Amino acid sequence: MPDVVIHDLSPEVVAALEQNARESGRTLEAELRVVIERAAAGGAASARVDADREDFWKRAAEVRERFKGRFAGDSTDLIREDRDSDHGRGW
C-alpha cells in the first residue's frame, strides 16, 4: 500500500483531526484513513456505513476482550428487588 505525506497543515487542522480521532476512539492515522476513504468515495453513504460497521466490530471485540471471563449473571432478581424497594418513593 502506498504511503501519502501531507505537508504544511495548519496546527488548527491537525488539532481538530486529533480531537475527532479521540472522540471516535481511533488513532490519528486511522481517523485520516477514514476521512480520505470517505472523500474518495464521494461521501457515499455506503462508505460511511462500512467504516462505521468496521469501527463498531473493532470496539465490540475490545469490550469482549476486556470483560472476558467475567460472569454478569441474570439481573432479574436485582430489578425485582429494586422495584419492590421504597427508595425513590414519597418525593
N, C-alpha and C. Protein backbone atom coordinates (compact mmCIF):
# COMPACT_ATOMS: atom_id res chain seq x y z
N MET A 1 0.86 -1.17 0.00
CA MET A 1 0.00 0.00 0.00
C MET A 1 0.90 1.23 0.00
N PRO A 2 0.62 2.17 -0.86
CA PRO A 2 1.46 3.37 -0.93
C PRO A 2 1.25 4.27 0.29
N ASP A 3 2.30 5.01 0.61
CA ASP A 3 2.23 5.99 1.69
C ASP A 3 1.93 7.36 1.09
N VAL A 4 1.26 8.18 1.88
CA VAL A 4 0.95 9.54 1.47
C VAL A 4 1.46 10.48 2.56
N VAL A 5 2.14 11.53 2.15
CA VAL A 5 2.64 12.52 3.10
C VAL A 5 2.02 13.86 2.74
N ILE A 6 1.48 14.54 3.75
CA ILE A 6 0.87 15.85 3.52
C ILE A 6 1.66 16.87 4.34
N HIS A 7 2.18 17.86 3.66
CA HIS A 7 2.99 18.89 4.32
C HIS A 7 2.14 20.14 4.58
N ASP A 8 2.58 20.91 5.55
CA ASP A 8 2.06 22.26 5.82
C ASP A 8 0.59 22.33 6.20
N LEU A 9 0.12 21.37 6.98
CA LEU A 9 -1.23 21.50 7.54
C LEU A 9 -1.15 22.48 8.70
N SER A 10 -2.16 23.28 8.87
CA SER A 10 -2.15 24.23 9.98
C SER A 10 -2.33 23.47 11.30
N PRO A 11 -1.75 24.00 12.38
CA PRO A 11 -1.91 23.36 13.69
C PRO A 11 -3.37 23.21 14.09
N GLU A 12 -4.23 24.13 13.66
CA GLU A 12 -5.65 24.06 13.99
C GLU A 12 -6.31 22.85 13.32
N VAL A 13 -5.94 22.61 12.08
CA VAL A 13 -6.50 21.46 11.36
C VAL A 13 -6.04 20.17 12.01
N VAL A 14 -4.77 20.09 12.33
CA VAL A 14 -4.23 18.89 12.98
C VAL A 14 -4.91 18.67 14.33
N ALA A 15 -5.08 19.73 15.10
CA ALA A 15 -5.74 19.62 16.41
C ALA A 15 -7.18 19.13 16.25
N ALA A 16 -7.89 19.64 15.25
CA ALA A 16 -9.27 19.21 15.02
C ALA A 16 -9.33 17.74 14.62
N LEU A 17 -8.40 17.32 13.77
CA LEU A 17 -8.35 15.92 13.37
C LEU A 17 -8.01 15.02 14.56
N GLU A 18 -7.09 15.46 15.40
CA GLU A 18 -6.75 14.69 16.60
C GLU A 18 -7.95 14.57 17.54
N GLN A 19 -8.70 15.66 17.68
CA GLN A 19 -9.89 15.65 18.53
C GLN A 19 -10.94 14.69 17.96
N ASN A 20 -11.16 14.75 16.67
CA ASN A 20 -12.10 13.83 16.03
C ASN A 20 -11.67 12.38 16.23
N ALA A 21 -10.38 12.13 16.11
CA ALA A 21 -9.85 10.78 16.30
C ALA A 21 -10.11 10.30 17.73
N ARG A 22 -9.83 11.16 18.71
CA ARG A 22 -10.07 10.79 20.11
C ARG A 22 -11.54 10.47 20.35
N GLU A 23 -12.41 11.32 19.82
CA GLU A 23 -13.85 11.12 20.02
C GLU A 23 -14.35 9.86 19.34
N SER A 24 -13.69 9.45 18.28
CA SER A 24 -14.08 8.24 17.55
C SER A 24 -13.36 7.00 18.07
N GLY A 25 -12.45 7.21 19.02
CA GLY A 25 -11.70 6.08 19.56
C GLY A 25 -10.69 5.51 18.59
N ARG A 26 -10.19 6.38 17.72
CA ARG A 26 -9.21 5.94 16.73
C ARG A 26 -7.90 6.69 16.91
N THR A 27 -6.86 6.16 16.32
CA THR A 27 -5.60 6.88 16.24
C THR A 27 -5.75 7.96 15.17
N LEU A 28 -4.85 8.91 15.17
CA LEU A 28 -4.88 9.95 14.14
C LEU A 28 -4.76 9.31 12.76
N GLU A 29 -3.88 8.35 12.62
CA GLU A 29 -3.70 7.68 11.33
C GLU A 29 -4.99 7.00 10.88
N ALA A 30 -5.66 6.30 11.78
CA ALA A 30 -6.91 5.63 11.42
C ALA A 30 -7.99 6.65 11.06
N GLU A 31 -8.04 7.75 11.80
CA GLU A 31 -9.01 8.80 11.51
C GLU A 31 -8.76 9.39 10.11
N LEU A 32 -7.51 9.66 9.79
CA LEU A 32 -7.17 10.20 8.47
C LEU A 32 -7.54 9.22 7.37
N ARG A 33 -7.32 7.94 7.63
CA ARG A 33 -7.68 6.92 6.65
C ARG A 33 -9.18 6.96 6.37
N VAL A 34 -9.99 7.06 7.43
CA VAL A 34 -11.45 7.12 7.27
C VAL A 34 -11.85 8.37 6.48
N VAL A 35 -11.27 9.50 6.84
CA VAL A 35 -11.59 10.76 6.16
C VAL A 35 -11.25 10.67 4.68
N ILE A 36 -10.08 10.16 4.36
CA ILE A 36 -9.64 10.06 2.96
C ILE A 36 -10.50 9.06 2.20
N GLU A 37 -10.81 7.91 2.82
CA GLU A 37 -11.63 6.91 2.14
C GLU A 37 -13.03 7.46 1.85
N ARG A 38 -13.59 8.20 2.81
CA ARG A 38 -14.91 8.79 2.59
C ARG A 38 -14.87 9.83 1.47
N ALA A 39 -13.82 10.63 1.45
CA ALA A 39 -13.69 11.65 0.41
C ALA A 39 -13.52 10.99 -0.96
N ALA A 40 -12.75 9.92 -1.02
CA ALA A 40 -12.52 9.23 -2.29
C ALA A 40 -13.80 8.57 -2.79
N ALA A 41 -14.66 8.16 -1.86
CA ALA A 41 -15.93 7.54 -2.24
C ALA A 41 -16.97 8.59 -2.58
N GLY A 42 -16.59 9.84 -2.55
CA GLY A 42 -17.53 10.91 -2.85
C GLY A 42 -18.53 11.13 -1.74
N GLY A 43 -18.16 10.71 -0.53
CA GLY A 43 -19.06 10.88 0.60
C GLY A 43 -20.24 9.93 0.54
N ALA A 44 -20.12 8.86 -0.22
CA ALA A 44 -21.22 7.92 -0.37
C ALA A 44 -21.60 7.31 0.98
N ALA A 45 -22.87 7.12 1.18
CA ALA A 45 -23.37 6.57 2.44
C ALA A 45 -22.81 5.18 2.69
N SER A 46 -22.61 4.42 1.63
CA SER A 46 -22.11 3.05 1.82
C SER A 46 -20.70 3.05 2.39
N ALA A 47 -19.88 4.01 2.02
CA ALA A 47 -18.53 4.10 2.56
C ALA A 47 -18.58 4.42 4.05
N ARG A 48 -19.50 5.32 4.44
CA ARG A 48 -19.66 5.66 5.86
C ARG A 48 -20.16 4.46 6.64
N VAL A 49 -21.12 3.76 6.09
CA VAL A 49 -21.68 2.60 6.78
C VAL A 49 -20.61 1.54 6.98
N ASP A 50 -19.83 1.29 5.94
CA ASP A 50 -18.75 0.30 6.05
C ASP A 50 -17.74 0.70 7.11
N ALA A 51 -17.34 1.97 7.13
CA ALA A 51 -16.37 2.44 8.11
C ALA A 51 -16.96 2.38 9.51
N ASP A 52 -18.22 2.78 9.66
CA ASP A 52 -18.86 2.73 10.97
C ASP A 52 -19.03 1.29 11.43
N ARG A 53 -19.40 0.42 10.53
CA ARG A 53 -19.57 -1.00 10.87
C ARG A 53 -18.24 -1.60 11.31
N GLU A 54 -17.18 -1.30 10.58
CA GLU A 54 -15.85 -1.80 10.93
C GLU A 54 -15.44 -1.28 12.31
N ASP A 55 -15.70 -0.01 12.56
CA ASP A 55 -15.37 0.59 13.85
C ASP A 55 -16.18 -0.07 14.97
N PHE A 56 -17.47 -0.34 14.72
CA PHE A 56 -18.31 -0.99 15.72
C PHE A 56 -17.76 -2.36 16.09
N TRP A 57 -17.46 -3.18 15.10
CA TRP A 57 -16.98 -4.53 15.39
C TRP A 57 -15.63 -4.52 16.08
N LYS A 58 -14.79 -3.57 15.74
CA LYS A 58 -13.50 -3.44 16.42
C LYS A 58 -13.71 -3.10 17.89
N ARG A 59 -14.58 -2.14 18.17
CA ARG A 59 -14.87 -1.75 19.56
C ARG A 59 -15.55 -2.88 20.31
N ALA A 60 -16.46 -3.59 19.67
CA ALA A 60 -17.14 -4.71 20.32
C ALA A 60 -16.13 -5.79 20.72
N ALA A 61 -15.17 -6.06 19.85
CA ALA A 61 -14.14 -7.05 20.17
C ALA A 61 -13.30 -6.59 21.36
N GLU A 62 -13.00 -5.30 21.43
CA GLU A 62 -12.23 -4.77 22.55
C GLU A 62 -13.00 -4.91 23.86
N VAL A 63 -14.30 -4.66 23.83
CA VAL A 63 -15.12 -4.79 25.04
C VAL A 63 -15.20 -6.25 25.46
N ARG A 64 -15.43 -7.15 24.49
CA ARG A 64 -15.47 -8.58 24.82
C ARG A 64 -14.18 -9.02 25.46
N GLU A 65 -13.06 -8.58 24.92
CA GLU A 65 -11.75 -8.97 25.47
C GLU A 65 -11.57 -8.41 26.89
N ARG A 66 -12.00 -7.18 27.10
CA ARG A 66 -11.83 -6.55 28.41
C ARG A 66 -12.63 -7.27 29.49
N PHE A 67 -13.80 -7.77 29.14
CA PHE A 67 -14.66 -8.42 30.13
C PHE A 67 -14.62 -9.95 30.03
N LYS A 68 -13.68 -10.47 29.30
CA LYS A 68 -13.55 -11.90 29.10
C LYS A 68 -13.39 -12.62 30.44
N GLY A 69 -14.16 -13.67 30.63
CA GLY A 69 -14.05 -14.47 31.86
C GLY A 69 -14.94 -14.00 32.99
N ARG A 70 -15.57 -12.86 32.85
CA ARG A 70 -16.48 -12.37 33.88
C ARG A 70 -17.88 -12.88 33.60
N PHE A 71 -18.60 -13.17 34.67
CA PHE A 71 -19.98 -13.61 34.53
C PHE A 71 -20.88 -12.52 35.06
N ALA A 72 -21.74 -12.00 34.22
CA ALA A 72 -22.61 -10.91 34.63
C ALA A 72 -23.82 -11.42 35.40
N GLY A 73 -24.28 -12.61 35.08
CA GLY A 73 -25.43 -13.17 35.77
C GLY A 73 -26.74 -12.59 35.28
N ASP A 74 -27.81 -13.11 35.85
CA ASP A 74 -29.16 -12.68 35.49
C ASP A 74 -29.55 -11.51 36.37
N SER A 75 -29.99 -10.43 35.78
CA SER A 75 -30.31 -9.22 36.53
C SER A 75 -31.76 -9.20 37.01
N THR A 76 -32.52 -10.23 36.71
CA THR A 76 -33.94 -10.25 37.06
C THR A 76 -34.17 -10.02 38.55
N ASP A 77 -33.42 -10.73 39.39
CA ASP A 77 -33.60 -10.59 40.84
C ASP A 77 -33.27 -9.18 41.31
N LEU A 78 -32.23 -8.59 40.76
CA LEU A 78 -31.85 -7.22 41.14
C LEU A 78 -32.93 -6.21 40.72
N ILE A 79 -33.48 -6.39 39.56
CA ILE A 79 -34.53 -5.48 39.08
C ILE A 79 -35.77 -5.62 39.96
N ARG A 80 -36.16 -6.86 40.28
CA ARG A 80 -37.33 -7.07 41.12
C ARG A 80 -37.12 -6.45 42.50
N GLU A 81 -35.93 -6.64 43.07
CA GLU A 81 -35.62 -6.06 44.38
C GLU A 81 -35.71 -4.54 44.35
N ASP A 82 -35.20 -3.95 43.30
CA ASP A 82 -35.24 -2.50 43.16
C ASP A 82 -36.68 -1.99 43.02
N ARG A 83 -37.48 -2.68 42.24
CA ARG A 83 -38.88 -2.27 42.05
C ARG A 83 -39.68 -2.39 43.34
N ASP A 84 -39.36 -3.40 44.16
CA ASP A 84 -40.09 -3.64 45.39
C ASP A 84 -39.63 -2.76 46.54
N SER A 85 -38.52 -2.05 46.38
CA SER A 85 -37.97 -1.25 47.48
C SER A 85 -38.71 0.08 47.60
N ASP A 86 -38.47 0.76 48.71
CA ASP A 86 -39.11 2.06 48.97
C ASP A 86 -38.30 3.24 48.48
N HIS A 87 -37.04 3.04 48.12
CA HIS A 87 -36.23 4.19 47.75
C HIS A 87 -36.80 4.87 46.50
N GLY A 88 -36.75 6.17 46.58
CA GLY A 88 -37.24 6.96 45.45
C GLY A 88 -38.72 7.26 45.51
N ARG A 89 -39.39 6.68 46.46
CA ARG A 89 -40.84 6.95 46.58
C ARG A 89 -41.07 8.02 47.63
N GLY A 90 -42.19 8.66 47.55
CA GLY A 90 -42.55 9.66 48.55
C GLY A 90 -41.94 11.02 48.30
N TRP A 91 -41.53 11.27 47.09
CA TRP A 91 -40.95 12.58 46.80
C TRP A 91 -42.00 13.60 46.71
